[in-house]
Amino acid sequence: MSDARTISFLEGSATIATGSELRKDEAWSSAFRAQCKDHRYYEIIEETLDNDFEYRYLLLRDRASVVRGIQPFFFVRQNLVEGIPGAFRGIVDSIRKVWPKFLTFRVLMVGCAAGEGHLGTLNSTDPAWIAQALHQTLPLIARAAKASLIVLKDFSPRYRETLSLFSRNGFVRVPSMPMTRLRLNFADFDDYLGHLSYGTRKSLRRKFRKTERAANIQLEIVNDITPLLDEVYPLYLAVHERSPMKFEKLSKAYLSRLGRIMPERARFFIWRIDGRIVAFSVCLVYDGTIYDEYLGLDYRVALDLHLYFYTIRDILTWAIKQGLTSYFSSPLNYDPKLHLGCDLAPLDLYVMHTAPVLNPIFQWAVRFLEPTRHDPVLRRFRNAAELQ
């Protein structure tokens, strides 16, 4: 990595590497091995996502030149009012007719471009060391790359103590849009329904009866969806385009490589009517948990047939039969998840403006711009206080 840049700090050094350079380092195959999305997943998203992300990695070495961590990060131009509704968004859109880049910034983001963020430790005893190394080096990297903001993206609350170094020193911690979780301590799906409110239980059963009277839906579960890409990808795009908040955009190559590179974890649920695919879901299974990542729907029939609820029923039924203990769902669409008895699975953003004179003002403003503030449904979850 002779052309990579190395930054020295008190406890060691940080070398900036590209993905192709990183693959040559033996330590990379050990990175994130305790996570569902291990090093293979980072390779997949770098090579396949349809976004203008500039991917980089930090090899963090101690003073003995031992690699202690590998931290993925990327640069992106981010719209700070993505998903914010109402009059304020209208004002911003008006300003952008004259000044197109108003409230958009070049951002250095630490973490995963398509998922929850983690510290890239190679040893479970090293998170504090990694956090210290990142806190010392990230501002230097961001300023050199002319990035206005540094964001630690979507980190679980279990990192709050370790990352308090950031929130005490120049960064502000704000909630990101959370995932949701459901403990699968049920004998079967009917047992699960029995734990929901009477109104929700009655509504769901009515929806399922209506769907089953209207159509004969068949479910298939595969590890590799490559042969079906032309059929399923438009369904994913249909859901993606309807979302009020967009960040990553999947490609056909992502869907194909996920199953081929991580077959022991990837599960694609496919629903057909008369042979035609009308819904599919991208899931990952790891360590007793199923992660419901992305959904595709044929909106010609999806709303009338209540396919969103139908897909969740089948995924939960399968997960319970497999003996899985937890179900996690990706952010957004919180109202049905509230009624389905899910809890929030909070995620945090740690944010800093790289200009010291502007950072105090930005820290005040970002509390208004943070996305959860503008979704009233979140406040109705029983563990909503955990977002803070």
Protein backbone atom coordinates (compact mmCIF):
# COMPACT_ATOMS: atom_id res chain seq x y z
CA MET A 1 0.00 0.00 0.00
CA SER A 2 2.79 2.37 -0.86
CA ASP A 3 0.38 4.90 -2.35
CA ALA A 4 -1.93 4.94 0.69
CA ARG A 5 -1.77 7.77 3.16
CA THR A 6 -0.67 7.09 6.73
CA ILE A 7 -1.53 9.31 9.67
CA SER A 8 0.33 9.02 12.95
CA PHE A 9 -1.40 9.56 16.27
CA LEU A 10 -0.40 9.12 19.89
CA GLU A 11 -1.20 5.41 20.15
CA GLY A 12 -0.22 4.30 16.65
CA SER A 13 -1.01 4.97 13.00
CA ALA A 14 -3.94 4.90 10.59
CA THR A 15 -3.45 3.92 6.96
CA ILE A 16 -6.12 4.86 4.43
CA ALA A 17 -6.67 2.04 1.95
CA THR A 18 -8.98 1.25 -0.93
CA GLY A 19 -10.96 -1.95 -1.08
CA SER A 20 -8.62 -3.60 -3.56
CA GLU A 21 -5.62 -2.78 -1.36
CA LEU A 22 -7.39 -4.03 1.74
CA ARG A 23 -8.13 -7.46 0.26
CA LYS A 24 -4.37 -8.14 0.37
CA ASP A 25 -4.24 -7.77 4.17
CA GLU A 26 -4.79 -10.99 6.11
CA ALA A 27 -6.52 -9.12 8.93
CA TRP A 28 -9.44 -8.15 6.67
CA SER A 29 -10.93 -11.65 6.67
CA SER A 30 -11.22 -11.44 10.47
CA ALA A 31 -13.00 -8.08 10.49
CA PHE A 32 -16.62 -8.11 11.69
CA ARG A 33 -16.55 -11.88 12.10
CA ALA A 34 -18.88 -11.57 15.11
CA GLN A 35 -21.47 -9.62 13.07
CA CYS A 36 -24.15 -10.83 10.69
CA LYS A 37 -22.70 -8.51 8.03
CA ASP A 38 -19.08 -9.59 8.05
CA HIS A 39 -16.23 -8.50 5.78
CA ARG A 40 -17.86 -10.22 2.80
CA TYR A 41 -20.88 -7.94 3.06
CA TYR A 42 -18.72 -4.81 2.90
CA GLU A 43 -17.10 -6.16 -0.25
CA ILE A 44 -20.52 -6.81 -1.78
CA ILE A 45 -21.88 -3.33 -1.14
CA GLU A 46 -18.72 -1.62 -2.36
CA GLU A 47 -18.82 -3.53 -5.62
CA THR A 48 -22.57 -3.44 -6.31
CA LEU A 49 -24.53 -0.53 -4.80
CA ASP A 50 -25.95 2.02 -7.26
CA ASN A 51 -24.73 5.08 -5.37
CA ASP A 52 -21.99 7.69 -5.64
CA PHE A 53 -20.21 6.43 -2.54
CA GLU A 54 -16.42 6.69 -2.32
CA TYR A 55 -15.36 3.76 -0.16
CA ARG A 56 -12.23 3.75 1.97
CA TYR A 57 -10.91 1.78 4.94
CA LEU A 58 -8.68 2.63 7.86
CA LEU A 59 -6.09 0.09 8.96
CA LEU A 60 -5.43 1.01 12.56
CA ARG A 61 -2.08 -0.14 13.96
CA ASP A 62 -0.64 0.28 17.42
CA ARG A 63 2.90 1.45 18.10
CA ALA A 64 4.15 -2.12 17.65
CA SER A 65 2.68 -2.06 14.09
CA VAL A 66 0.05 -4.67 15.01
CA VAL A 67 -3.28 -4.16 13.21
CA ARG A 68 -5.83 -3.57 15.96
CA GLY A 69 -8.80 -2.64 13.78
CA ILE A 70 -10.12 -2.04 10.28
CA GLN A 71 -12.77 0.65 10.01
CA PRO A 72 -14.83 1.11 6.83
CA PHE A 73 -15.86 4.64 5.90
CA PHE A 74 -17.09 6.39 2.78
CA PHE A 75 -17.74 9.82 1.34
CA VAL A 76 -21.16 10.86 0.08
CA ARG A 77 -23.02 14.08 -0.69
CA GLN A 78 -25.94 14.08 1.74
CA ASN A 79 -29.23 15.96 1.70
CA LEU A 80 -29.80 17.04 5.32
CA VAL A 81 -33.55 17.45 4.91
CA GLU A 82 -34.20 14.02 3.38
CA GLY A 83 -37.56 12.84 4.68
CA ILE A 84 -38.44 16.05 6.54
CA PRO A 85 -42.03 17.02 5.69
CA GLY A 86 -44.00 20.24 5.96
CA ALA A 87 -43.37 23.93 5.46
CA PHE A 88 -39.68 23.83 6.27
CA ARG A 89 -39.04 21.33 3.45
CA GLY A 90 -41.02 23.56 1.10
CA ILE A 91 -38.83 26.53 1.97
CA VAL A 92 -35.67 24.50 1.38
CA ASP A 93 -36.96 23.25 -1.98
CA SER A 94 -37.69 26.85 -3.01
CA ILE A 95 -34.17 27.96 -2.09
CA ARG A 96 -32.70 25.04 -4.02
CA LYS A 97 -34.22 26.34 -7.24
CA VAL A 98 -31.63 29.09 -7.00
CA TRP A 99 -28.98 27.34 -4.89
CA PRO A 100 -29.19 23.59 -5.70
CA LYS A 101 -26.70 22.50 -3.04
CA PHE A 102 -28.38 24.31 -0.15
CA LEU A 103 -28.28 22.08 2.96
CA THR A 104 -26.38 19.36 1.14
CA PHE A 105 -22.87 18.55 2.32
CA ARG A 106 -19.97 16.33 1.42
CA VAL A 107 -19.92 13.91 4.35
CA LEU A 108 -17.39 11.43 5.68
CA MET A 109 -19.52 8.59 7.03
CA VAL A 110 -18.13 5.89 9.28
CA GLY A 111 -19.86 2.53 9.23
CA CYS A 112 -21.84 0.51 6.73
CA ALA A 113 -23.47 2.09 3.67
CA ALA A 114 -26.29 -0.47 3.79
CA GLY A 115 -26.82 -1.38 7.40
CA GLU A 116 -25.97 -0.84 11.04
CA GLY A 117 -22.56 0.55 11.96
CA HIS A 118 -19.95 -1.30 14.01
CA LEU A 119 -16.46 -0.58 15.23
CA GLY A 120 -14.04 -2.69 13.20
CA THR A 121 -12.22 -4.33 16.09
CA LEU A 122 -10.13 -7.45 15.59
CA ASN A 123 -10.11 -8.12 19.33
CA SER A 124 -13.11 -7.77 21.62
CA THR A 125 -11.01 -5.87 24.15
CA ASP A 126 -10.15 -3.09 21.70
CA PRO A 127 -13.30 -0.93 21.17
CA ALA A 128 -12.05 1.93 23.36
CA TRP A 129 -8.69 1.92 21.56
CA ILE A 130 -10.44 2.00 18.17
CA ALA A 131 -12.71 4.85 19.27
CA GLN A 132 -9.71 6.87 20.45
CA ALA A 133 -7.88 6.25 17.17
CA LEU A 134 -10.90 7.30 15.11
CA HIS A 135 -11.51 10.41 17.19
CA GLN A 136 -7.94 11.56 16.58
CA THR A 137 -7.75 10.76 12.86
CA LEU A 138 -11.20 11.35 11.35
CA PRO A 139 -11.11 15.18 11.51
CA LEU A 140 -7.77 15.20 9.70
CA ILE A 141 -9.06 12.88 6.99
CA ALA A 142 -12.31 14.82 6.56
CA ARG A 143 -10.62 18.20 6.21
CA ALA A 144 -8.07 16.84 3.74
CA ALA A 145 -10.94 15.44 1.65
CA LYS A 146 -12.93 18.71 1.92
CA ALA A 147 -15.78 17.00 3.76
CA SER A 148 -17.91 19.41 5.78
CA LEU A 149 -19.38 16.81 8.12
CA ILE A 150 -18.23 13.67 9.91
CA VAL A 151 -20.99 11.17 10.76
CA LEU A 152 -20.71 7.90 12.65
CA LYS A 153 -23.70 6.23 11.01
CA ASP A 154 -26.31 4.04 12.70
CA PHE A 155 -24.45 2.70 15.72
CA SER A 156 -26.32 0.62 18.29
CA PRO A 157 -26.81 2.02 21.82
CA ARG A 158 -24.44 -0.67 23.08
CA TYR A 159 -21.67 1.55 21.73
CA ARG A 160 -22.80 4.63 23.66
CA GLU A 161 -20.33 4.25 26.48
CA THR A 162 -17.43 3.59 24.12
CA LEU A 163 -18.42 6.39 21.75
CA SER A 164 -19.11 8.89 24.55
CA LEU A 165 -15.58 10.05 23.75
CA PHE A 166 -17.11 11.57 20.59
CA SER A 167 -20.23 13.07 22.18
CA ARG A 168 -18.07 14.69 24.88
CA ASN A 169 -15.55 16.07 22.42
CA GLY A 170 -16.93 17.95 19.43
CA PHE A 171 -19.63 15.55 18.24
CA VAL A 172 -23.34 15.56 18.99
CA ARG A 173 -25.25 12.29 19.33
CA VAL A 174 -28.74 12.25 17.80
CA PRO A 175 -31.12 9.39 17.04
CA SER A 176 -31.21 7.88 13.58
CA MET A 177 -34.29 6.16 12.17
CA PRO A 178 -34.45 2.96 14.25
CA MET A 179 -34.93 -0.61 13.23
CA THR A 180 -37.62 -2.62 15.00
CA ARG A 181 -37.33 -5.92 16.83
CA LEU A 182 -39.63 -8.70 17.97
CA ARG A 183 -38.75 -11.53 20.32
CA LEU A 184 -39.94 -14.83 18.87
CA ASN A 185 -40.88 -16.56 22.12
CA PHE A 186 -44.02 -18.10 20.58
CA ALA A 187 -45.05 -21.65 19.81
CA ASP A 188 -46.33 -20.68 16.36
CA PHE A 189 -47.87 -17.75 14.49
CA ASP A 190 -51.29 -18.22 16.11
CA ASP A 191 -49.64 -18.04 19.51
CA TYR A 192 -47.98 -14.78 18.40
CA LEU A 193 -51.36 -13.38 17.31
CA GLY A 194 -52.73 -14.19 20.75
CA HIS A 195 -50.25 -11.71 22.25
CA LEU A 196 -51.50 -8.82 20.11
CA SER A 197 -54.43 -6.55 20.89
CA TYR A 198 -57.91 -7.80 20.06
CA GLY A 199 -58.35 -5.15 17.36
CA THR A 200 -55.05 -5.96 15.64
CA ARG A 201 -55.64 -9.70 15.86
CA LYS A 202 -59.11 -9.36 14.35
CA SER A 203 -57.87 -7.05 11.59
CA LEU A 204 -55.02 -9.35 10.61
CA ARG A 205 -57.19 -12.45 10.47
CA ARG A 206 -59.72 -10.59 8.31
CA LYS A 207 -56.92 -9.49 5.95
CA PHE A 208 -55.53 -13.03 5.67
CA ARG A 209 -58.98 -14.51 4.94
CA LYS A 210 -59.58 -11.91 2.24
CA THR A 211 -56.21 -12.60 0.65
CA GLU A 212 -56.67 -16.37 0.67
CA ARG A 213 -60.15 -16.09 -0.86
CA ALA A 214 -58.86 -13.83 -3.63
CA ALA A 215 -55.69 -15.65 -4.62
CA ASN A 216 -53.74 -18.85 -4.26
CA ILE A 217 -50.35 -17.55 -3.10
CA GLN A 218 -47.37 -19.87 -3.06
CA LEU A 219 -44.18 -19.27 -1.08
CA GLU A 220 -40.69 -20.30 -2.09
CA ILE A 221 -37.49 -19.71 -0.08
CA VAL A 222 -34.12 -19.75 -1.84
CA ASN A 223 -30.51 -18.83 -1.06
CA ASP A 224 -29.71 -17.58 -4.57
CA ILE A 225 -32.11 -15.31 -6.40
CA THR A 226 -29.93 -14.79 -9.48
CA PRO A 227 -32.21 -16.67 -11.93
CA LEU A 228 -35.15 -14.45 -10.92
CA LEU A 229 -33.48 -11.02 -10.96
CA ASP A 230 -35.41 -9.65 -13.92
CA GLU A 231 -38.68 -10.49 -12.18
CA VAL A 232 -37.92 -9.35 -8.64
CA TYR A 233 -35.80 -6.24 -9.18
CA PRO A 234 -38.69 -4.06 -10.50
CA LEU A 235 -40.65 -4.99 -7.36
CA TYR A 236 -37.80 -3.74 -5.18
CA LEU A 237 -37.61 -0.49 -7.19
CA ALA A 238 -41.36 0.03 -6.74
CA VAL A 239 -41.00 -0.03 -2.95
CA HIS A 240 -37.78 2.00 -2.98
CA GLU A 241 -39.32 4.82 -5.02
CA ARG A 242 -42.32 5.10 -2.67
CA SER A 243 -40.11 5.54 0.39
CA PRO A 244 -40.04 9.07 1.87
CA MET A 245 -36.39 8.59 2.85
CA LYS A 246 -33.78 7.12 0.54
CA PHE A 247 -30.11 6.43 1.13
CA GLU A 248 -28.68 3.32 -0.47
CA LYS A 249 -30.11 1.89 -3.68
CA LEU A 250 -29.62 -1.78 -4.40
CA SER A 251 -28.64 -3.17 -7.78
CA LYS A 252 -29.30 -6.52 -9.41
CA ALA A 253 -25.66 -7.36 -8.78
CA TYR A 254 -26.14 -6.81 -5.02
CA LEU A 255 -29.03 -9.28 -4.89
CA SER A 256 -27.12 -11.85 -6.89
CA ARG A 257 -23.84 -11.59 -5.00
CA LEU A 258 -25.52 -11.61 -1.58
CA GLY A 259 -26.84 -15.10 -2.16
CA ARG A 260 -23.76 -16.39 -3.91
CA ILE A 261 -21.17 -14.96 -1.50
CA MET A 262 -23.14 -15.44 1.74
CA PRO A 263 -25.40 -18.43 1.00
CA GLU A 264 -25.43 -19.68 4.60
CA ARG A 265 -27.01 -16.39 5.72
CA ALA A 266 -29.03 -15.11 2.76
CA ARG A 267 -32.70 -16.08 2.50
CA PHE A 268 -34.94 -14.80 -0.28
CA PHE A 269 -38.66 -15.24 0.34
CA ILE A 270 -40.66 -15.27 -2.91
CA TRP A 271 -44.45 -15.16 -3.21
CA ARG A 272 -46.21 -16.10 -6.46
CA ILE A 273 -49.73 -16.00 -7.82
CA ASP A 274 -50.28 -18.28 -10.82
CA GLY A 275 -46.51 -18.43 -11.28
CA ARG A 276 -46.03 -14.65 -11.32
CA ILE A 277 -43.90 -13.15 -8.53
CA VAL A 278 -45.90 -10.56 -6.60
CA ALA A 279 -43.62 -10.05 -3.58
CA PHE A 280 -40.17 -10.92 -2.34
CA SER A 281 -38.15 -10.19 0.77
CA VAL A 282 -34.39 -10.10 1.30
CA CYS A 283 -33.45 -11.54 4.68
CA LEU A 284 -30.28 -12.50 6.52
CA VAL A 285 -30.16 -15.18 9.21
CA TYR A 286 -27.43 -15.24 11.83
CA ASP A 287 -26.99 -16.31 15.45
CA GLY A 288 -30.66 -16.99 16.15
CA THR A 289 -31.93 -13.81 14.48
CA ILE A 290 -33.60 -13.10 11.15
CA TYR A 291 -33.05 -9.65 9.68
CA ASP A 292 -35.80 -8.55 7.28
CA GLU A 293 -33.75 -6.18 5.12
CA TYR A 294 -35.55 -5.22 1.91
CA LEU A 295 -38.99 -5.78 0.43
CA GLY A 296 -40.33 -5.82 -3.13
CA LEU A 297 -44.02 -5.63 -3.99
CA ASP A 298 -46.16 -5.68 -7.11
CA TYR A 299 -48.43 -2.73 -6.37
CA ARG A 300 -50.95 -3.89 -8.94
CA VAL A 301 -52.13 -6.37 -6.32
CA ALA A 302 -50.12 -5.62 -3.15
CA LEU A 303 -52.56 -3.25 -1.47
CA ASP A 304 -55.74 -5.14 -2.30
CA LEU A 305 -54.20 -8.42 -1.11
CA HIS A 306 -52.51 -6.93 1.97
CA LEU A 307 -49.23 -8.45 0.84
CA TYR A 308 -47.13 -6.52 3.34
CA PHE A 309 -48.84 -8.29 6.25
CA TYR A 310 -48.97 -11.56 4.36
CA THR A 311 -45.19 -11.52 3.87
CA ILE A 312 -44.55 -10.80 7.54
CA ARG A 313 -46.84 -13.66 8.53
CA ASP A 314 -44.92 -16.12 6.39
CA ILE A 315 -41.49 -14.87 7.49
CA LEU A 316 -42.41 -15.07 11.18
CA THR A 317 -43.99 -18.50 10.72
CA TRP A 318 -40.82 -19.79 9.07
CA ALA A 319 -38.52 -18.16 11.65
CA ILE A 320 -40.44 -19.65 14.59
CA LYS A 321 -40.33 -23.11 13.00
CA GLN A 322 -36.57 -22.74 12.56
CA GLY A 323 -36.18 -22.02 16.26
CA LEU A 324 -34.97 -18.44 15.72
CA THR A 325 -35.38 -16.17 18.72
CA SER A 326 -35.50 -12.63 17.26
CA TYR A 327 -36.88 -10.79 14.25
CA PHE A 328 -35.40 -7.45 13.20
CA SER A 329 -36.89 -5.24 10.54
CA SER A 330 -35.27 -2.36 8.68
CA PRO A 331 -36.22 1.29 9.42
CA LEU A 332 -39.41 3.13 8.32
CA ASN A 333 -43.05 2.06 7.95
CA TYR A 334 -43.50 2.22 11.72
CA ASP A 335 -47.28 2.28 12.08
CA PRO A 336 -47.91 -1.38 11.17
CA LYS A 337 -44.86 -2.45 13.16
CA LEU A 338 -46.28 -0.68 16.22
CA HIS A 339 -49.52 -2.66 15.94
CA LEU A 340 -47.59 -5.87 15.31
CA GLY A 341 -46.09 -5.58 18.79
CA CYS A 342 -42.56 -4.66 17.75
CA ASP A 343 -40.19 -2.60 19.87
CA LEU A 344 -37.81 -0.02 18.52
CA ALA A 345 -34.19 -1.02 18.01
CA PRO A 346 -32.51 2.41 18.33
CA LEU A 347 -29.59 3.55 16.22
CA ASP A 348 -27.41 6.60 16.86
CA LEU A 349 -25.69 9.18 14.71
CA TYR A 350 -22.59 11.02 15.95
CA VAL A 351 -22.18 14.22 13.97
CA MET A 352 -19.60 17.02 13.79
CA HIS A 353 -19.01 19.93 11.43
CA THR A 354 -15.35 20.11 10.47
CA ALA A 355 -15.26 23.91 10.77
CA PRO A 356 -14.76 24.66 14.50
CA VAL A 357 -16.48 28.05 14.27
CA LEU A 358 -19.59 26.51 12.69
CA ASN A 359 -19.78 23.33 14.77
CA PRO A 360 -21.62 24.83 17.80
CA ILE A 361 -24.29 26.26 15.49
CA PHE A 362 -24.54 23.00 13.60
CA GLN A 363 -24.91 21.00 16.81
CA TRP A 364 -27.94 23.11 17.67
CA ALA A 365 -29.42 22.85 14.18
CA VAL A 366 -28.94 19.10 13.79
CA ARG A 367 -31.28 18.42 16.70
CA PHE A 368 -34.05 19.94 14.59
CA LEU A 369 -32.94 18.20 11.40
CA GLU A 370 -32.52 14.71 12.91
CA PRO A 371 -35.03 12.39 11.23
CA THR A 372 -36.91 10.84 14.16
CA ARG A 373 -38.21 14.23 15.28
CA HIS A 374 -40.62 14.31 12.35
CA ASP A 375 -42.24 10.87 12.71
CA PRO A 376 -45.00 11.05 15.36
CA VAL A 377 -45.56 7.28 15.34
CA LEU A 378 -42.16 6.67 16.94
CA ARG A 379 -43.29 8.36 20.16
CA ARG A 380 -46.07 5.78 20.55
CA PHE A 381 -43.72 2.80 20.93
CA ARG A 382 -43.39 1.61 24.52
CA ASN A 383 -39.61 1.97 24.45
CA ALA A 384 -39.51 5.29 22.58
CA ALA A 385 -37.44 6.82 25.41
CA GLU A 386 -34.53 4.56 24.35
CA LEU A 387 -34.08 6.68 21.22
CA GLN A 388 -32.51 9.41 23.35
